[in-house]
Amino acid sequence: MTRIIGGSARGHRLSVPSTGTRPTSDRIREALFSSLDSWLLSEDLSWGDIWFADLYAGSGAIGLEAASRGAANVVLVEQQSGALKIIQENIQRTRLPLVTERSDISQWNPSHAFDVIFMDPPYSTTDQEVSATVLRLADSPEAASALFVIERGLRSGDPFEGLDPSHFHKKWDRAYGDTRLWYGHLVGGTE
């Protein structure tokens, strides 16, 4: 069972697509949002200041969690029509204000300056494809100060490896069972 674990919609159960997605576990979402809470504190920010993008949104659980915690704006980006239908059901169930966009991530361009860009690509997405997406998004002015958070399988490579370290670098990563969260930002962006 997937549910919202914090904020105003805490406890709401979420539907998940029956195929084609891999929901982030409660344990990993708790760890992710604990890390983001610490990061916000270190930056003297609050959730109410944050524009949050959830790419490869699946059920929308990550974006819904950010909205439940009070993120100023949340955009969920998903390509699969079945997943988009589930996302809409979850938005109606939780009554949280989110925007959904149907797009192939390789074509998506942010329309606003995002503070956090979360990516949970299918594990079948190659490390090179993930790095290319990060680099493309990081080249847009709307991601100039974004903290990128990328969820990958434990055996996947560093999504920031191979990117110019004078422009983009990894801050930290954490492993949880067979999943790893990678955190990184543009050099000169948010520290």
N, C-alpha and C. Protein backbone atom coordinates (compact mmCIF):
# COMPACT_ATOMS: atom_id res chain seq x y z
N MET A 1 0.84 -1.19 0.00
CA MET A 1 0.00 0.00 0.00
C MET A 1 0.88 1.24 0.00
N THR A 2 0.60 2.16 -0.89
CA THR A 2 1.31 3.43 -0.94
C THR A 2 0.41 4.48 -0.30
N ARG A 3 1.01 5.32 0.52
CA ARG A 3 0.25 6.36 1.22
C ARG A 3 1.10 7.60 1.37
N ILE A 4 0.46 8.73 1.62
CA ILE A 4 1.18 9.96 1.94
C ILE A 4 1.69 9.82 3.38
N ILE A 5 2.97 10.12 3.60
CA ILE A 5 3.56 9.88 4.92
C ILE A 5 3.72 11.13 5.78
N GLY A 6 3.51 12.32 5.21
CA GLY A 6 3.66 13.53 6.01
C GLY A 6 2.83 14.68 5.46
N GLY A 7 2.67 15.71 6.28
CA GLY A 7 1.98 16.91 5.84
C GLY A 7 0.47 16.83 5.95
N SER A 8 -0.19 17.74 5.24
CA SER A 8 -1.64 17.91 5.37
C SER A 8 -2.45 16.72 4.87
N ALA A 9 -1.91 15.93 3.96
CA ALA A 9 -2.64 14.77 3.41
C ALA A 9 -2.11 13.45 3.99
N ARG A 10 -1.39 13.54 5.07
CA ARG A 10 -0.79 12.35 5.69
C ARG A 10 -1.85 11.25 5.88
N GLY A 11 -1.46 10.03 5.52
CA GLY A 11 -2.32 8.88 5.70
C GLY A 11 -3.20 8.55 4.51
N HIS A 12 -3.36 9.49 3.56
CA HIS A 12 -4.18 9.19 2.38
C HIS A 12 -3.53 8.06 1.57
N ARG A 13 -4.33 7.08 1.23
CA ARG A 13 -3.86 5.99 0.39
C ARG A 13 -3.84 6.43 -1.06
N LEU A 14 -2.84 5.92 -1.78
CA LEU A 14 -2.69 6.27 -3.18
C LEU A 14 -2.82 5.04 -4.05
N SER A 15 -3.46 5.20 -5.18
CA SER A 15 -3.50 4.13 -6.17
C SER A 15 -2.19 4.13 -6.93
N VAL A 16 -1.79 2.98 -7.44
CA VAL A 16 -0.59 2.88 -8.26
C VAL A 16 -0.95 2.16 -9.55
N PRO A 17 -0.31 2.53 -10.65
CA PRO A 17 -0.58 1.82 -11.90
C PRO A 17 -0.25 0.33 -11.75
N SER A 18 -1.04 -0.52 -12.38
CA SER A 18 -0.84 -1.96 -12.25
C SER A 18 0.40 -2.45 -12.99
N THR A 19 0.83 -1.73 -14.00
CA THR A 19 2.03 -2.11 -14.74
C THR A 19 2.79 -0.86 -15.17
N GLY A 20 4.07 -1.06 -15.48
CA GLY A 20 4.86 0.01 -16.07
C GLY A 20 5.50 1.00 -15.11
N THR A 21 5.24 0.87 -13.81
CA THR A 21 5.87 1.78 -12.86
C THR A 21 6.38 0.98 -11.66
N ARG A 22 7.26 1.60 -10.89
CA ARG A 22 7.84 1.00 -9.71
C ARG A 22 7.72 2.03 -8.59
N PRO A 23 6.66 1.94 -7.77
CA PRO A 23 6.45 2.94 -6.73
C PRO A 23 7.61 3.01 -5.74
N THR A 24 7.96 4.22 -5.34
CA THR A 24 8.99 4.43 -4.32
C THR A 24 8.41 4.01 -2.97
N SER A 25 9.14 3.19 -2.25
CA SER A 25 8.64 2.67 -0.97
C SER A 25 8.50 3.79 0.06
N ASP A 26 7.68 3.53 1.08
CA ASP A 26 7.52 4.49 2.19
C ASP A 26 8.87 4.79 2.82
N ARG A 27 9.68 3.77 3.03
CA ARG A 27 10.99 3.95 3.66
C ARG A 27 11.87 4.92 2.88
N ILE A 28 11.89 4.75 1.57
CA ILE A 28 12.73 5.64 0.75
C ILE A 28 12.14 7.03 0.69
N ARG A 29 10.81 7.15 0.62
CA ARG A 29 10.20 8.49 0.64
C ARG A 29 10.47 9.19 1.96
N GLU A 30 10.41 8.45 3.07
CA GLU A 30 10.74 9.05 4.37
C GLU A 30 12.17 9.57 4.38
N ALA A 31 13.11 8.77 3.88
CA ALA A 31 14.51 9.17 3.82
C ALA A 31 14.70 10.37 2.89
N LEU A 32 14.05 10.33 1.73
CA LEU A 32 14.14 11.43 0.77
C LEU A 32 13.66 12.74 1.39
N PHE A 33 12.48 12.72 2.01
CA PHE A 33 11.92 13.96 2.53
C PHE A 33 12.63 14.41 3.80
N SER A 34 13.21 13.50 4.53
CA SER A 34 14.05 13.89 5.67
C SER A 34 15.29 14.63 5.16
N SER A 35 15.90 14.11 4.10
CA SER A 35 17.06 14.79 3.49
C SER A 35 16.68 16.15 2.94
N LEU A 36 15.52 16.23 2.28
CA LEU A 36 15.08 17.52 1.74
C LEU A 36 14.76 18.51 2.85
N ASP A 37 14.16 18.04 3.95
CA ASP A 37 13.92 18.92 5.10
C ASP A 37 15.23 19.49 5.62
N SER A 38 16.26 18.66 5.73
CA SER A 38 17.57 19.12 6.20
C SER A 38 18.18 20.11 5.22
N TRP A 39 18.05 19.81 3.93
CA TRP A 39 18.59 20.72 2.91
C TRP A 39 17.89 22.07 2.97
N LEU A 40 16.55 22.06 3.09
CA LEU A 40 15.80 23.31 3.18
C LEU A 40 16.26 24.13 4.39
N LEU A 41 16.44 23.47 5.52
CA LEU A 41 16.89 24.15 6.72
C LEU A 41 18.26 24.78 6.50
N SER A 42 19.17 24.04 5.85
CA SER A 42 20.51 24.57 5.60
C SER A 42 20.49 25.75 4.64
N GLU A 43 19.48 25.83 3.80
CA GLU A 43 19.35 26.92 2.82
C GLU A 43 18.46 28.05 3.32
N ASP A 44 17.96 27.94 4.56
CA ASP A 44 17.05 28.90 5.14
C ASP A 44 15.79 29.07 4.28
N LEU A 45 15.28 27.91 3.83
CA LEU A 45 14.07 27.87 3.01
C LEU A 45 13.01 27.04 3.74
N SER A 46 11.78 27.17 3.29
CA SER A 46 10.70 26.32 3.79
C SER A 46 10.00 25.70 2.58
N TRP A 47 9.18 24.70 2.84
CA TRP A 47 8.45 24.07 1.74
C TRP A 47 7.62 25.08 0.96
N GLY A 48 7.11 26.10 1.63
CA GLY A 48 6.29 27.11 0.96
C GLY A 48 7.05 27.94 -0.07
N ASP A 49 8.39 27.83 -0.07
CA ASP A 49 9.23 28.55 -1.03
C ASP A 49 9.55 27.72 -2.28
N ILE A 50 9.22 26.45 -2.26
CA ILE A 50 9.77 25.49 -3.21
C ILE A 50 8.87 25.20 -4.40
N TRP A 51 9.48 25.25 -5.59
CA TRP A 51 8.86 24.72 -6.81
C TRP A 51 9.50 23.36 -7.03
N PHE A 52 8.66 22.33 -7.14
CA PHE A 52 9.11 20.94 -7.15
C PHE A 52 8.63 20.26 -8.43
N ALA A 53 9.54 19.60 -9.14
CA ALA A 53 9.17 18.82 -10.33
C ALA A 53 9.41 17.35 -10.05
N ASP A 54 8.42 16.52 -10.33
CA ASP A 54 8.50 15.07 -10.19
C ASP A 54 8.44 14.49 -11.59
N LEU A 55 9.60 14.07 -12.11
CA LEU A 55 9.69 13.53 -13.46
C LEU A 55 9.59 12.01 -13.43
N TYR A 56 8.98 11.43 -14.45
CA TYR A 56 8.63 10.01 -14.46
C TYR A 56 7.73 9.75 -13.25
N ALA A 57 6.68 10.49 -13.12
CA ALA A 57 5.89 10.58 -11.88
C ALA A 57 5.19 9.28 -11.48
N GLY A 58 4.88 8.38 -12.40
CA GLY A 58 4.24 7.12 -12.01
C GLY A 58 2.88 7.35 -11.36
N SER A 59 2.78 7.06 -10.07
CA SER A 59 1.53 7.29 -9.32
C SER A 59 1.42 8.73 -8.84
N GLY A 60 2.53 9.48 -8.91
CA GLY A 60 2.55 10.84 -8.40
C GLY A 60 2.88 10.94 -6.93
N ALA A 61 3.25 9.81 -6.31
CA ALA A 61 3.46 9.78 -4.85
C ALA A 61 4.51 10.79 -4.37
N ILE A 62 5.59 10.95 -5.11
CA ILE A 62 6.64 11.89 -4.66
C ILE A 62 6.13 13.32 -4.74
N GLY A 63 5.54 13.70 -5.86
CA GLY A 63 5.01 15.05 -5.99
C GLY A 63 3.87 15.33 -5.03
N LEU A 64 3.01 14.33 -4.82
CA LEU A 64 1.92 14.49 -3.85
C LEU A 64 2.47 14.68 -2.45
N GLU A 65 3.54 13.97 -2.12
CA GLU A 65 4.18 14.12 -0.81
C GLU A 65 4.72 15.55 -0.66
N ALA A 66 5.36 16.06 -1.71
CA ALA A 66 5.89 17.44 -1.65
C ALA A 66 4.75 18.44 -1.47
N ALA A 67 3.65 18.23 -2.19
CA ALA A 67 2.50 19.13 -2.06
C ALA A 67 1.90 19.03 -0.66
N SER A 68 1.81 17.83 -0.13
CA SER A 68 1.26 17.63 1.21
C SER A 68 2.09 18.38 2.26
N ARG A 69 3.38 18.47 2.02
CA ARG A 69 4.27 19.16 2.95
C ARG A 69 4.28 20.67 2.74
N GLY A 70 3.55 21.14 1.73
CA GLY A 70 3.38 22.58 1.54
C GLY A 70 4.18 23.21 0.44
N ALA A 71 4.75 22.41 -0.48
CA ALA A 71 5.50 22.99 -1.60
C ALA A 71 4.64 24.02 -2.33
N ALA A 72 5.25 25.14 -2.69
CA ALA A 72 4.51 26.23 -3.34
C ALA A 72 3.85 25.76 -4.63
N ASN A 73 4.57 25.02 -5.44
CA ASN A 73 4.05 24.49 -6.70
C ASN A 73 4.70 23.15 -6.97
N VAL A 74 3.92 22.24 -7.48
CA VAL A 74 4.41 20.91 -7.83
C VAL A 74 3.93 20.58 -9.23
N VAL A 75 4.86 20.13 -10.06
CA VAL A 75 4.53 19.69 -11.42
C VAL A 75 4.90 18.22 -11.52
N LEU A 76 3.95 17.41 -11.96
CA LEU A 76 4.16 15.98 -12.19
C LEU A 76 4.25 15.75 -13.69
N VAL A 77 5.32 15.12 -14.13
CA VAL A 77 5.51 14.87 -15.56
C VAL A 77 5.55 13.36 -15.78
N GLU A 78 4.66 12.89 -16.64
CA GLU A 78 4.55 11.45 -16.92
C GLU A 78 4.13 11.29 -18.37
N GLN A 79 4.62 10.23 -19.00
CA GLN A 79 4.31 9.98 -20.40
C GLN A 79 3.17 9.00 -20.59
N GLN A 80 3.05 8.01 -19.73
CA GLN A 80 2.07 6.94 -19.90
C GLN A 80 0.66 7.40 -19.53
N SER A 81 -0.28 7.17 -20.44
CA SER A 81 -1.65 7.63 -20.20
C SER A 81 -2.29 6.92 -19.01
N GLY A 82 -2.01 5.63 -18.81
CA GLY A 82 -2.57 4.91 -17.66
C GLY A 82 -2.09 5.49 -16.34
N ALA A 83 -0.80 5.83 -16.29
CA ALA A 83 -0.25 6.43 -15.08
C ALA A 83 -0.85 7.82 -14.86
N LEU A 84 -1.05 8.58 -15.92
CA LEU A 84 -1.65 9.91 -15.78
C LEU A 84 -3.06 9.83 -15.21
N LYS A 85 -3.81 8.80 -15.62
CA LYS A 85 -5.16 8.61 -15.08
C LYS A 85 -5.09 8.34 -13.58
N ILE A 86 -4.16 7.49 -13.15
CA ILE A 86 -3.99 7.20 -11.72
C ILE A 86 -3.57 8.45 -10.97
N ILE A 87 -2.67 9.24 -11.55
CA ILE A 87 -2.23 10.49 -10.92
C ILE A 87 -3.44 11.40 -10.68
N GLN A 88 -4.29 11.55 -11.69
CA GLN A 88 -5.47 12.41 -11.55
C GLN A 88 -6.39 11.90 -10.43
N GLU A 89 -6.56 10.58 -10.34
CA GLU A 89 -7.37 10.01 -9.25
C GLU A 89 -6.75 10.33 -7.89
N ASN A 90 -5.43 10.21 -7.80
CA ASN A 90 -4.75 10.51 -6.53
C ASN A 90 -4.84 11.99 -6.17
N ILE A 91 -4.77 12.85 -7.15
CA ILE A 91 -4.91 14.29 -6.90
C ILE A 91 -6.32 14.58 -6.38
N GLN A 92 -7.33 13.98 -7.01
CA GLN A 92 -8.72 14.19 -6.55
C GLN A 92 -8.91 13.64 -5.15
N ARG A 93 -8.33 12.48 -4.86
CA ARG A 93 -8.49 11.85 -3.56
C ARG A 93 -7.86 12.70 -2.45
N THR A 94 -6.67 13.25 -2.71
CA THR A 94 -5.96 14.02 -1.68
C THR A 94 -6.34 15.49 -1.67
N ARG A 95 -6.95 15.96 -2.78
CA ARG A 95 -7.34 17.37 -2.93
C ARG A 95 -6.14 18.32 -2.82
N LEU A 96 -4.98 17.84 -3.28
CA LEU A 96 -3.79 18.67 -3.26
C LEU A 96 -3.64 19.38 -4.61
N PRO A 97 -3.16 20.62 -4.60
CA PRO A 97 -3.03 21.39 -5.85
C PRO A 97 -1.75 21.03 -6.59
N LEU A 98 -1.88 20.29 -7.67
CA LEU A 98 -0.73 19.92 -8.49
C LEU A 98 -1.06 20.16 -9.95
N VAL A 99 -0.01 20.27 -10.74
CA VAL A 99 -0.15 20.40 -12.18
C VAL A 99 0.46 19.14 -12.80
N THR A 100 -0.24 18.54 -13.76
CA THR A 100 0.32 17.39 -14.46
C THR A 100 0.61 17.79 -15.90
N GLU A 101 1.67 17.20 -16.42
CA GLU A 101 2.04 17.42 -17.81
C GLU A 101 2.34 16.06 -18.44
N ARG A 102 1.77 15.81 -19.59
CA ARG A 102 2.10 14.58 -20.31
C ARG A 102 3.24 14.89 -21.26
N SER A 103 4.36 14.22 -21.04
CA SER A 103 5.51 14.49 -21.88
C SER A 103 6.52 13.36 -21.75
N ASP A 104 7.21 13.10 -22.83
CA ASP A 104 8.40 12.26 -22.81
C ASP A 104 9.48 13.13 -22.15
N ILE A 105 10.12 12.64 -21.13
CA ILE A 105 11.11 13.44 -20.39
C ILE A 105 12.20 13.96 -21.30
N SER A 106 12.55 13.21 -22.34
CA SER A 106 13.61 13.68 -23.25
C SER A 106 13.19 14.92 -24.02
N GLN A 107 11.88 15.24 -24.01
CA GLN A 107 11.37 16.42 -24.71
C GLN A 107 10.90 17.52 -23.76
N TRP A 108 10.78 17.20 -22.46
CA TRP A 108 10.21 18.15 -21.51
C TRP A 108 11.17 19.29 -21.21
N ASN A 109 10.62 20.49 -21.20
CA ASN A 109 11.39 21.67 -20.83
C ASN A 109 10.67 22.38 -19.69
N PRO A 110 11.39 22.68 -18.60
CA PRO A 110 10.73 23.36 -17.48
C PRO A 110 10.25 24.74 -17.89
N SER A 111 9.06 25.09 -17.40
CA SER A 111 8.47 26.39 -17.73
C SER A 111 8.62 27.39 -16.59
N HIS A 112 9.29 26.98 -15.52
CA HIS A 112 9.48 27.84 -14.36
C HIS A 112 10.78 27.44 -13.70
N ALA A 113 11.34 28.31 -12.89
CA ALA A 113 12.56 27.99 -12.15
C ALA A 113 12.23 27.03 -11.01
N PHE A 114 12.67 25.80 -11.13
CA PHE A 114 12.41 24.79 -10.11
C PHE A 114 13.54 24.77 -9.08
N ASP A 115 13.17 24.51 -7.84
CA ASP A 115 14.14 24.40 -6.75
C ASP A 115 14.59 22.96 -6.56
N VAL A 116 13.69 22.02 -6.78
CA VAL A 116 14.00 20.59 -6.67
C VAL A 116 13.45 19.89 -7.91
N ILE A 117 14.31 19.11 -8.55
CA ILE A 117 13.88 18.28 -9.68
C ILE A 117 14.17 16.84 -9.29
N PHE A 118 13.10 16.08 -9.07
CA PHE A 118 13.21 14.68 -8.70
C PHE A 118 12.98 13.83 -9.94
N MET A 119 13.87 12.86 -10.16
CA MET A 119 13.77 11.97 -11.31
C MET A 119 13.81 10.53 -10.82
N ASP A 120 12.84 9.74 -11.25
CA ASP A 120 12.82 8.32 -10.95
C ASP A 120 12.58 7.57 -12.25
N PRO A 121 13.61 7.56 -13.14
CA PRO A 121 13.42 6.89 -14.43
C PRO A 121 13.31 5.38 -14.25
N PRO A 122 12.67 4.71 -15.19
CA PRO A 122 12.64 3.24 -15.13
C PRO A 122 14.07 2.71 -15.03
N TYR A 123 14.23 1.62 -14.28
CA TYR A 123 15.58 1.06 -14.13
C TYR A 123 16.16 0.63 -15.47
N SER A 124 15.31 0.39 -16.47
CA SER A 124 15.80 0.02 -17.80
C SER A 124 16.44 1.20 -18.53
N THR A 125 16.22 2.42 -18.04
CA THR A 125 16.85 3.60 -18.65
C THR A 125 18.34 3.52 -18.36
N THR A 126 19.15 3.66 -19.39
CA THR A 126 20.59 3.52 -19.21
C THR A 126 21.18 4.69 -18.43
N ASP A 127 22.33 4.46 -17.83
CA ASP A 127 23.03 5.52 -17.11
C ASP A 127 23.33 6.70 -18.04
N GLN A 128 23.68 6.40 -19.27
CA GLN A 128 23.98 7.47 -20.24
C GLN A 128 22.73 8.30 -20.55
N GLU A 129 21.59 7.65 -20.67
CA GLU A 129 20.34 8.37 -20.93
C GLU A 129 19.97 9.26 -19.75
N VAL A 130 20.16 8.75 -18.52
CA VAL A 130 19.86 9.56 -17.34
C VAL A 130 20.79 10.77 -17.29
N SER A 131 22.09 10.54 -17.49
CA SER A 131 23.06 11.65 -17.46
C SER A 131 22.75 12.68 -18.54
N ALA A 132 22.36 12.22 -19.73
CA ALA A 132 22.02 13.15 -20.82
C ALA A 132 20.80 14.00 -20.45
N THR A 133 19.82 13.40 -19.79
CA THR A 133 18.63 14.15 -19.36
C THR A 133 19.01 15.18 -18.30
N VAL A 134 19.82 14.78 -17.33
CA VAL A 134 20.28 15.71 -16.30
C VAL A 134 21.01 16.87 -16.94
N LEU A 135 21.93 16.59 -17.85
CA LEU A 135 22.71 17.64 -18.51
C LEU A 135 21.81 18.57 -19.30
N ARG A 136 20.84 18.01 -20.05
CA ARG A 136 19.94 18.84 -20.85
C ARG A 136 19.12 19.76 -19.94
N LEU A 137 18.58 19.21 -18.86
CA LEU A 137 17.79 20.03 -17.95
C LEU A 137 18.65 21.07 -17.25
N ALA A 138 19.86 20.69 -16.86
CA ALA A 138 20.75 21.61 -16.15
C ALA A 138 21.18 22.78 -17.04
N ASP A 139 21.12 22.59 -18.35
CA ASP A 139 21.47 23.68 -19.27
C ASP A 139 20.37 24.72 -19.40
N SER A 140 19.17 24.43 -18.86
CA SER A 140 18.09 25.40 -18.96
C SER A 140 18.17 26.39 -17.79
N PRO A 141 17.87 27.65 -18.02
CA PRO A 141 17.91 28.64 -16.94
C PRO A 141 16.95 28.30 -15.80
N GLU A 142 15.87 27.55 -16.10
CA GLU A 142 14.89 27.20 -15.08
C GLU A 142 15.43 26.18 -14.08
N ALA A 143 16.56 25.56 -14.39
CA ALA A 143 17.16 24.59 -13.47
C ALA A 143 18.49 25.08 -12.91
N ALA A 144 18.80 26.35 -13.10
CA ALA A 144 20.11 26.90 -12.73
C ALA A 144 20.43 26.73 -11.25
N SER A 145 19.43 26.73 -10.40
CA SER A 145 19.72 26.56 -8.97
C SER A 145 19.01 25.35 -8.37
N ALA A 146 18.54 24.45 -9.23
CA ALA A 146 17.79 23.29 -8.75
C ALA A 146 18.70 22.26 -8.09
N LEU A 147 18.17 21.64 -7.05
CA LEU A 147 18.77 20.45 -6.48
C LEU A 147 18.17 19.29 -7.25
N PHE A 148 19.01 18.49 -7.90
CA PHE A 148 18.55 17.31 -8.60
C PHE A 148 18.62 16.13 -7.65
N VAL A 149 17.55 15.35 -7.59
CA VAL A 149 17.51 14.13 -6.80
C VAL A 149 17.10 13.02 -7.76
N ILE A 150 17.93 11.98 -7.84
CA ILE A 150 17.69 10.92 -8.81
C ILE A 150 17.64 9.58 -8.10
N GLU A 151 16.54 8.87 -8.29
CA GLU A 151 16.38 7.54 -7.71
C GLU A 151 16.76 6.51 -8.77
N ARG A 152 17.68 5.62 -8.39
CA ARG A 152 18.16 4.58 -9.32
C ARG A 152 18.33 3.27 -8.58
N GLY A 153 18.49 2.21 -9.33
CA GLY A 153 18.82 0.91 -8.75
C GLY A 153 20.22 0.97 -8.15
N LEU A 154 20.45 0.15 -7.16
CA LEU A 154 21.73 0.16 -6.45
C LEU A 154 22.90 -0.08 -7.38
N ARG A 155 22.71 -0.89 -8.40
CA ARG A 155 23.81 -1.22 -9.31
C ARG A 155 23.98 -0.22 -10.45
N SER A 156 23.10 0.76 -10.54
CA SER A 156 23.22 1.78 -11.58
C SER A 156 24.41 2.68 -11.27
N GLY A 157 24.95 3.28 -12.31
CA GLY A 157 26.08 4.17 -12.14
C GLY A 157 25.66 5.54 -11.64
N ASP A 158 26.65 6.33 -11.26
CA ASP A 158 26.44 7.69 -10.79
C ASP A 158 25.88 8.53 -11.95
N PRO A 159 24.67 9.08 -11.80
CA PRO A 159 24.08 9.85 -12.91
C PRO A 159 24.81 11.17 -13.17
N PHE A 160 25.67 11.59 -12.25
CA PHE A 160 26.42 12.82 -12.43
C PHE A 160 27.82 12.57 -12.98
N GLU A 161 28.23 11.30 -13.02
CA GLU A 161 29.55 10.97 -13.54
C GLU A 161 29.61 11.32 -15.02
N GLY A 162 30.70 11.88 -15.42
CA GLY A 162 30.87 12.25 -16.81
C GLY A 162 30.40 13.66 -17.12
N LEU A 163 29.66 14.28 -16.20
CA LEU A 163 29.25 15.67 -16.39
C LEU A 163 30.41 16.55 -15.95
N ASP A 164 30.58 17.66 -16.59
CA ASP A 164 31.69 18.56 -16.29
C ASP A 164 31.67 18.96 -14.82
N PRO A 165 32.66 18.52 -14.02
CA PRO A 165 32.65 18.82 -12.59
C PRO A 165 32.81 20.30 -12.28
N SER A 166 33.24 21.10 -13.24
CA SER A 166 33.34 22.54 -12.99
C SER A 166 31.97 23.21 -13.11
N HIS A 167 30.98 22.49 -13.63
CA HIS A 167 29.63 23.04 -13.78
C HIS A 167 28.59 22.32 -12.93
N PHE A 168 28.81 21.04 -12.69
CA PHE A 168 27.81 20.25 -12.01
C PHE A 168 28.50 19.21 -11.16
N HIS A 169 28.08 19.07 -9.93
CA HIS A 169 28.69 18.04 -9.11
C HIS A 169 27.70 17.40 -8.15
N LYS A 170 28.08 16.22 -7.71
CA LYS A 170 27.26 15.46 -6.78
C LYS A 170 27.50 16.00 -5.38
N LYS A 171 26.44 16.12 -4.60
CA LYS A 171 26.59 16.48 -3.20
C LYS A 171 26.70 15.23 -2.35
N TRP A 172 25.76 14.30 -2.51
CA TRP A 172 25.79 13.08 -1.70
C TRP A 172 24.89 12.02 -2.32
N ASP A 173 25.05 10.80 -1.85
CA ASP A 173 24.16 9.72 -2.24
C ASP A 173 23.97 8.80 -1.05
N ARG A 174 22.84 8.09 -1.04
CA ARG A 174 22.51 7.16 0.04
C ARG A 174 21.85 5.93 -0.56
N ALA A 175 22.23 4.76 -0.03
CA ALA A 175 21.65 3.50 -0.48
C ALA A 175 20.61 3.03 0.54
N TYR A 176 19.51 2.48 0.01
CA TYR A 176 18.43 1.92 0.82
C TYR A 176 18.02 0.60 0.16
N GLY A 177 18.50 -0.52 0.69
CA GLY A 177 18.21 -1.80 0.08
C GLY A 177 18.77 -1.84 -1.34
N ASP A 178 17.90 -2.06 -2.32
CA ASP A 178 18.36 -2.14 -3.72
C ASP A 178 18.16 -0.82 -4.47
N THR A 179 18.00 0.27 -3.74
CA THR A 179 17.76 1.60 -4.33
C THR A 179 18.79 2.59 -3.81
N ARG A 180 19.19 3.52 -4.67
CA ARG A 180 20.11 4.59 -4.27
C ARG A 180 19.52 5.93 -4.68
N LEU A 181 19.61 6.90 -3.80
CA LEU A 181 19.23 8.28 -4.11
C LEU A 181 20.50 9.10 -4.30
N TRP A 182 20.56 9.81 -5.41
CA TRP A 182 21.70 10.67 -5.74
C TRP A 182 21.22 12.12 -5.67
N TYR A 183 22.01 12.99 -5.06
CA TYR A 183 21.69 14.42 -4.91
C TYR A 183 22.82 15.23 -5.55
N GLY A 184 22.47 16.19 -6.39
CA GLY A 184 23.50 17.02 -7.01
C GLY A 184 22.94 18.35 -7.46
N HIS A 185 23.85 19.28 -7.75
CA HIS A 185 23.42 20.61 -8.18
C HIS A 185 24.49 21.25 -9.05
N LEU A 186 24.11 22.32 -9.70
CA LEU A 186 25.05 23.09 -10.51
C LEU A 186 26.03 23.80 -9.60
N VAL A 187 27.28 23.84 -9.99
CA VAL A 187 28.26 24.63 -9.26
C VAL A 187 27.85 26.09 -9.43
N GLY A 188 27.80 26.81 -8.31
CA GLY A 188 27.35 28.20 -8.36
C GLY A 188 25.85 28.30 -8.13
N GLY A 189 25.16 27.16 -8.15
CA GLY A 189 23.74 27.13 -7.82
C GLY A 189 23.60 27.03 -6.32
N THR A 190 22.50 26.46 -5.89
CA THR A 190 22.26 26.33 -4.45
C THR A 190 23.28 25.41 -3.83
N GLU A 191 23.94 25.86 -2.80
CA GLU A 191 24.95 25.04 -2.10
C GLU A 191 24.31 24.31 -0.95
